[in-house]
Amino acid sequence: MLTRVKMAIDTINFIDLLTDIHTLTKELTAFEHKYNLLSEVFYQWYCQGHEPDDDTWLTDLSEWAGLYRSRQYLTEQYHHMLRQQLTANQETITSHLHKQVRLTNV
């Protein structure tokens, strides 16, 4: 019973993490469409200390960089959590996928 409860908690945390990553991705996509530039390319440019030509962009660009950093951090957390979960349960990605499908079909 305790193992089942822990699995449910881990699954909720995993789902929350994925939901947050997807939300950030949607917000990043809006900036990519607005400025016609992929977030990865923008972020490299931003980290090199470049300044925008138009000061009115500063708020957008700061927010865009923050969203990108947040998504990168959450993605790292996702990979870490997935590795931990697979190792703890001695699973492969395939067995993990089967378990997730079973949980969503309950």
N, C-alpha and C. Protein backbone atom coordinates (compact mmCIF):
# COMPACT_ATOMS: atom_id res chain seq x y z
N MET A 1 0.83 -1.20 0.00
CA MET A 1 0.00 0.00 0.00
C MET A 1 0.87 1.26 0.00
N LEU A 2 1.88 1.30 0.86
CA LEU A 2 2.76 2.47 0.93
C LEU A 2 3.47 2.70 -0.40
N THR A 3 3.90 1.63 -1.06
CA THR A 3 4.55 1.76 -2.36
C THR A 3 3.59 2.36 -3.38
N ARG A 4 2.34 1.94 -3.36
CA ARG A 4 1.34 2.46 -4.29
C ARG A 4 1.10 3.96 -4.04
N VAL A 5 1.06 4.36 -2.77
CA VAL A 5 0.87 5.78 -2.43
C VAL A 5 2.08 6.58 -2.91
N LYS A 6 3.29 6.08 -2.67
CA LYS A 6 4.49 6.78 -3.12
C LYS A 6 4.51 6.89 -4.64
N MET A 7 4.12 5.83 -5.36
CA MET A 7 4.04 5.88 -6.81
C MET A 7 3.06 6.95 -7.26
N ALA A 8 1.92 7.06 -6.58
CA ALA A 8 0.92 8.06 -6.94
C ALA A 8 1.47 9.47 -6.73
N ILE A 9 2.18 9.68 -5.62
CA ILE A 9 2.77 10.99 -5.33
C ILE A 9 3.82 11.32 -6.37
N ASP A 10 4.70 10.35 -6.69
CA ASP A 10 5.72 10.57 -7.71
C ASP A 10 5.09 10.90 -9.05
N THR A 11 4.01 10.20 -9.39
CA THR A 11 3.33 10.43 -10.66
C THR A 11 2.75 11.83 -10.69
N ILE A 12 2.15 12.28 -9.59
CA ILE A 12 1.59 13.64 -9.53
C ILE A 12 2.69 14.67 -9.72
N ASN A 13 3.82 14.48 -9.02
CA ASN A 13 4.93 15.42 -9.17
C ASN A 13 5.46 15.42 -10.60
N PHE A 14 5.52 14.25 -11.19
CA PHE A 14 5.98 14.10 -12.56
C PHE A 14 5.02 14.82 -13.51
N ILE A 15 3.74 14.63 -13.30
CA ILE A 15 2.72 15.27 -14.14
C ILE A 15 2.77 16.79 -13.96
N ASP A 16 2.90 17.26 -12.74
CA ASP A 16 3.01 18.71 -12.49
C ASP A 16 4.22 19.29 -13.20
N LEU A 17 5.33 18.58 -13.12
CA LEU A 17 6.56 19.04 -13.76
C LEU A 17 6.38 19.12 -15.27
N LEU A 18 5.81 18.09 -15.86
CA LEU A 18 5.57 18.10 -17.30
C LEU A 18 4.59 19.21 -17.70
N THR A 19 3.57 19.42 -16.89
CA THR A 19 2.60 20.48 -17.17
C THR A 19 3.29 21.84 -17.17
N ASP A 20 4.16 22.07 -16.19
CA ASP A 20 4.90 23.33 -16.13
C ASP A 20 5.82 23.51 -17.34
N ILE A 21 6.49 22.44 -17.75
CA ILE A 21 7.37 22.50 -18.93
C ILE A 21 6.55 22.84 -20.17
N HIS A 22 5.39 22.22 -20.31
CA HIS A 22 4.53 22.49 -21.48
C HIS A 22 4.01 23.93 -21.46
N THR A 23 3.66 24.43 -20.29
CA THR A 23 3.18 25.82 -20.17
C THR A 23 4.29 26.79 -20.58
N LEU A 24 5.50 26.55 -20.08
CA LEU A 24 6.62 27.42 -20.44
C LEU A 24 6.90 27.36 -21.94
N THR A 25 6.80 26.17 -22.51
CA THR A 25 7.04 26.01 -23.95
C THR A 25 6.03 26.83 -24.76
N LYS A 26 4.78 26.84 -24.33
CA LYS A 26 3.77 27.65 -25.03
C LYS A 26 4.10 29.13 -24.94
N GLU A 27 4.54 29.57 -23.77
CA GLU A 27 4.89 30.98 -23.60
C GLU A 27 6.12 31.34 -24.44
N LEU A 28 7.09 30.43 -24.49
CA LEU A 28 8.29 30.66 -25.31
C LEU A 28 7.92 30.71 -26.79
N THR A 29 7.01 29.86 -27.20
CA THR A 29 6.57 29.83 -28.60
C THR A 29 5.94 31.17 -28.99
N ALA A 30 5.24 31.79 -28.08
CA ALA A 30 4.64 33.11 -28.37
C ALA A 30 5.73 34.14 -28.68
N PHE A 31 6.80 34.12 -27.89
CA PHE A 31 7.92 35.05 -28.16
C PHE A 31 8.61 34.69 -29.47
N GLU A 32 8.76 33.41 -29.75
CA GLU A 32 9.40 32.98 -30.99
C GLU A 32 8.61 33.48 -32.20
N HIS A 33 7.29 33.41 -32.13
CA HIS A 33 6.45 33.90 -33.22
C HIS A 33 6.53 35.43 -33.32
N LYS A 34 6.53 36.08 -32.19
CA LYS A 34 6.55 37.56 -32.18
C LYS A 34 7.85 38.09 -32.80
N TYR A 35 8.98 37.46 -32.44
CA TYR A 35 10.28 37.96 -32.89
C TYR A 35 10.89 37.12 -34.01
N ASN A 36 10.18 36.06 -34.44
CA ASN A 36 10.64 35.20 -35.53
C ASN A 36 12.05 34.67 -35.27
N LEU A 37 12.23 34.14 -34.07
CA LEU A 37 13.54 33.66 -33.64
C LEU A 37 13.35 32.54 -32.64
N LEU A 38 14.06 31.44 -32.80
CA LEU A 38 13.98 30.35 -31.83
C LEU A 38 14.55 30.79 -30.49
N SER A 39 13.99 30.28 -29.43
CA SER A 39 14.42 30.65 -28.08
C SER A 39 15.89 30.33 -27.84
N GLU A 40 16.36 29.20 -28.35
CA GLU A 40 17.76 28.82 -28.16
C GLU A 40 18.71 29.84 -28.78
N VAL A 41 18.36 30.29 -29.98
CA VAL A 41 19.19 31.28 -30.68
C VAL A 41 19.13 32.60 -29.93
N PHE A 42 17.91 33.02 -29.55
CA PHE A 42 17.76 34.26 -28.79
C PHE A 42 18.59 34.21 -27.51
N TYR A 43 18.49 33.09 -26.77
CA TYR A 43 19.15 33.01 -25.47
C TYR A 43 20.67 33.07 -25.61
N GLN A 44 21.23 32.45 -26.63
CA GLN A 44 22.68 32.55 -26.87
C GLN A 44 23.07 34.00 -27.10
N TRP A 45 22.30 34.69 -27.93
CA TRP A 45 22.55 36.10 -28.22
C TRP A 45 22.45 36.93 -26.94
N TYR A 46 21.40 36.67 -26.15
CA TYR A 46 21.14 37.40 -24.91
C TYR A 46 22.28 37.19 -23.91
N CYS A 47 22.76 35.96 -23.79
CA CYS A 47 23.83 35.64 -22.83
C CYS A 47 25.18 36.24 -23.24
N GLN A 48 25.31 36.59 -24.49
CA GLN A 48 26.55 37.22 -24.95
C GLN A 48 26.56 38.72 -24.62
N GLY A 49 25.50 39.19 -23.96
CA GLY A 49 25.45 40.57 -23.51
C GLY A 49 24.95 41.57 -24.53
N HIS A 50 24.38 41.09 -25.60
CA HIS A 50 23.85 42.00 -26.62
C HIS A 50 22.64 42.76 -26.08
N GLU A 51 22.52 43.98 -26.51
CA GLU A 51 21.40 44.83 -26.11
C GLU A 51 20.46 45.01 -27.31
N PRO A 52 19.17 45.06 -27.07
CA PRO A 52 18.25 45.30 -28.19
C PRO A 52 18.35 46.75 -28.68
N ASP A 53 18.06 46.93 -29.95
CA ASP A 53 18.08 48.28 -30.53
C ASP A 53 16.96 49.14 -29.98
N ASP A 54 15.88 48.52 -29.62
CA ASP A 54 14.68 49.21 -29.16
C ASP A 54 14.49 48.96 -27.66
N ASP A 55 14.55 50.02 -26.85
CA ASP A 55 14.42 49.88 -25.39
C ASP A 55 13.07 49.30 -24.96
N THR A 56 12.07 49.44 -25.80
CA THR A 56 10.76 48.89 -25.44
C THR A 56 10.77 47.36 -25.44
N TRP A 57 11.79 46.77 -26.02
CA TRP A 57 11.91 45.30 -26.05
C TRP A 57 12.50 44.75 -24.75
N LEU A 58 13.08 45.60 -23.94
CA LEU A 58 13.80 45.12 -22.75
C LEU A 58 12.94 44.24 -21.86
N THR A 59 11.73 44.64 -21.60
CA THR A 59 10.84 43.85 -20.74
C THR A 59 10.57 42.49 -21.37
N ASP A 60 10.23 42.48 -22.66
CA ASP A 60 9.98 41.22 -23.37
C ASP A 60 11.20 40.32 -23.32
N LEU A 61 12.35 40.88 -23.63
CA LEU A 61 13.55 40.06 -23.72
C LEU A 61 13.97 39.51 -22.36
N SER A 62 13.80 40.30 -21.33
CA SER A 62 14.10 39.82 -19.97
C SER A 62 13.15 38.69 -19.59
N GLU A 63 11.88 38.86 -19.91
CA GLU A 63 10.90 37.82 -19.61
C GLU A 63 11.19 36.55 -20.42
N TRP A 64 11.52 36.73 -21.68
CA TRP A 64 11.82 35.60 -22.56
C TRP A 64 13.01 34.82 -22.02
N ALA A 65 14.05 35.52 -21.61
CA ALA A 65 15.24 34.86 -21.06
C ALA A 65 14.89 34.11 -19.77
N GLY A 66 14.08 34.73 -18.92
CA GLY A 66 13.67 34.09 -17.68
C GLY A 66 12.85 32.83 -17.92
N LEU A 67 11.94 32.89 -18.88
CA LEU A 67 11.14 31.71 -19.23
C LEU A 67 12.02 30.60 -19.78
N TYR A 68 12.98 30.98 -20.60
CA TYR A 68 13.88 29.99 -21.19
C TYR A 68 14.70 29.30 -20.10
N ARG A 69 15.27 30.11 -19.18
CA ARG A 69 16.05 29.54 -18.07
C ARG A 69 15.18 28.63 -17.21
N SER A 70 13.95 29.04 -16.96
CA SER A 70 13.04 28.23 -16.15
C SER A 70 12.75 26.89 -16.83
N ARG A 71 12.50 26.94 -18.14
CA ARG A 71 12.23 25.69 -18.85
C ARG A 71 13.47 24.78 -18.84
N GLN A 72 14.63 25.37 -19.00
CA GLN A 72 15.86 24.57 -18.96
C GLN A 72 16.01 23.89 -17.60
N TYR A 73 15.77 24.64 -16.53
CA TYR A 73 15.88 24.10 -15.18
C TYR A 73 14.86 22.98 -14.96
N LEU A 74 13.61 23.21 -15.34
CA LEU A 74 12.58 22.19 -15.15
C LEU A 74 12.85 20.96 -16.00
N THR A 75 13.40 21.15 -17.19
CA THR A 75 13.75 20.01 -18.04
C THR A 75 14.86 19.18 -17.39
N GLU A 76 15.84 19.85 -16.80
CA GLU A 76 16.89 19.13 -16.07
C GLU A 76 16.29 18.36 -14.90
N GLN A 77 15.36 18.98 -14.18
CA GLN A 77 14.69 18.31 -13.07
C GLN A 77 13.90 17.10 -13.56
N TYR A 78 13.25 17.24 -14.70
CA TYR A 78 12.50 16.15 -15.31
C TYR A 78 13.42 14.96 -15.59
N HIS A 79 14.55 15.24 -16.24
CA HIS A 79 15.50 14.17 -16.56
C HIS A 79 16.02 13.50 -15.29
N HIS A 80 16.32 14.31 -14.29
CA HIS A 80 16.80 13.78 -13.01
C HIS A 80 15.73 12.90 -12.36
N MET A 81 14.51 13.39 -12.31
CA MET A 81 13.42 12.64 -11.69
C MET A 81 13.15 11.34 -12.45
N LEU A 82 13.19 11.40 -13.77
CA LEU A 82 12.96 10.21 -14.57
C LEU A 82 14.05 9.18 -14.32
N ARG A 83 15.32 9.61 -14.30
CA ARG A 83 16.42 8.68 -14.02
C ARG A 83 16.27 8.04 -12.66
N GLN A 84 15.91 8.86 -11.66
CA GLN A 84 15.71 8.33 -10.31
C GLN A 84 14.59 7.31 -10.28
N GLN A 85 13.49 7.64 -10.92
CA GLN A 85 12.32 6.76 -10.93
C GLN A 85 12.64 5.45 -11.63
N LEU A 86 13.31 5.53 -12.77
CA LEU A 86 13.66 4.31 -13.50
C LEU A 86 14.63 3.45 -12.71
N THR A 87 15.60 4.07 -12.09
CA THR A 87 16.59 3.33 -11.30
C THR A 87 15.94 2.70 -10.08
N ALA A 88 15.14 3.46 -9.36
CA ALA A 88 14.50 2.95 -8.13
C ALA A 88 13.57 1.78 -8.43
N ASN A 89 12.89 1.84 -9.55
CA ASN A 89 11.94 0.79 -9.90
C ASN A 89 12.53 -0.24 -10.85
N GLN A 90 13.84 -0.10 -11.14
CA GLN A 90 14.54 -0.99 -12.06
C GLN A 90 13.75 -1.14 -13.37
N GLU A 91 13.40 0.02 -13.93
CA GLU A 91 12.59 0.06 -15.14
C GLU A 91 13.41 0.51 -16.34
N THR A 92 12.84 0.27 -17.49
CA THR A 92 13.33 0.85 -18.72
C THR A 92 12.31 1.89 -19.15
N ILE A 93 12.63 2.66 -20.16
CA ILE A 93 11.66 3.63 -20.68
C ILE A 93 10.40 2.90 -21.15
N THR A 94 10.57 1.75 -21.78
CA THR A 94 9.41 1.00 -22.28
C THR A 94 8.49 0.59 -21.14
N SER A 95 9.04 0.03 -20.06
CA SER A 95 8.19 -0.38 -18.94
C SER A 95 7.57 0.84 -18.26
N HIS A 96 8.30 1.95 -18.23
CA HIS A 96 7.76 3.20 -17.68
C HIS A 96 6.54 3.65 -18.49
N LEU A 97 6.66 3.61 -19.81
CA LEU A 97 5.55 4.01 -20.67
C LEU A 97 4.33 3.13 -20.45
N HIS A 98 4.55 1.82 -20.34
CA HIS A 98 3.43 0.91 -20.09
C HIS A 98 2.74 1.25 -18.77
N LYS A 99 3.53 1.54 -17.75
CA LYS A 99 2.94 1.87 -16.43
C LYS A 99 2.16 3.17 -16.51
N GLN A 100 2.68 4.16 -17.22
CA GLN A 100 1.99 5.45 -17.34
C GLN A 100 0.66 5.28 -18.07
N VAL A 101 0.65 4.45 -19.11
CA VAL A 101 -0.59 4.21 -19.85
C VAL A 101 -1.61 3.53 -18.94
N ARG A 102 -1.15 2.59 -18.13
CA ARG A 102 -2.07 1.92 -17.20
C ARG A 102 -2.64 2.93 -16.20
N LEU A 103 -1.79 3.83 -15.69
CA LEU A 103 -2.25 4.81 -14.69
C LEU A 103 -3.26 5.78 -15.29
N THR A 104 -3.09 6.16 -16.53
CA THR A 104 -4.02 7.11 -17.13
C THR A 104 -5.32 6.45 -17.57
N ASN A 105 -5.31 5.14 -17.70
CA ASN A 105 -6.52 4.41 -18.09
C ASN A 105 -7.35 3.96 -16.89
N VAL A 106 -6.90 4.27 -15.68
CA VAL A 106 -7.61 3.84 -14.47
C VAL A 106 -8.83 4.69 -14.26
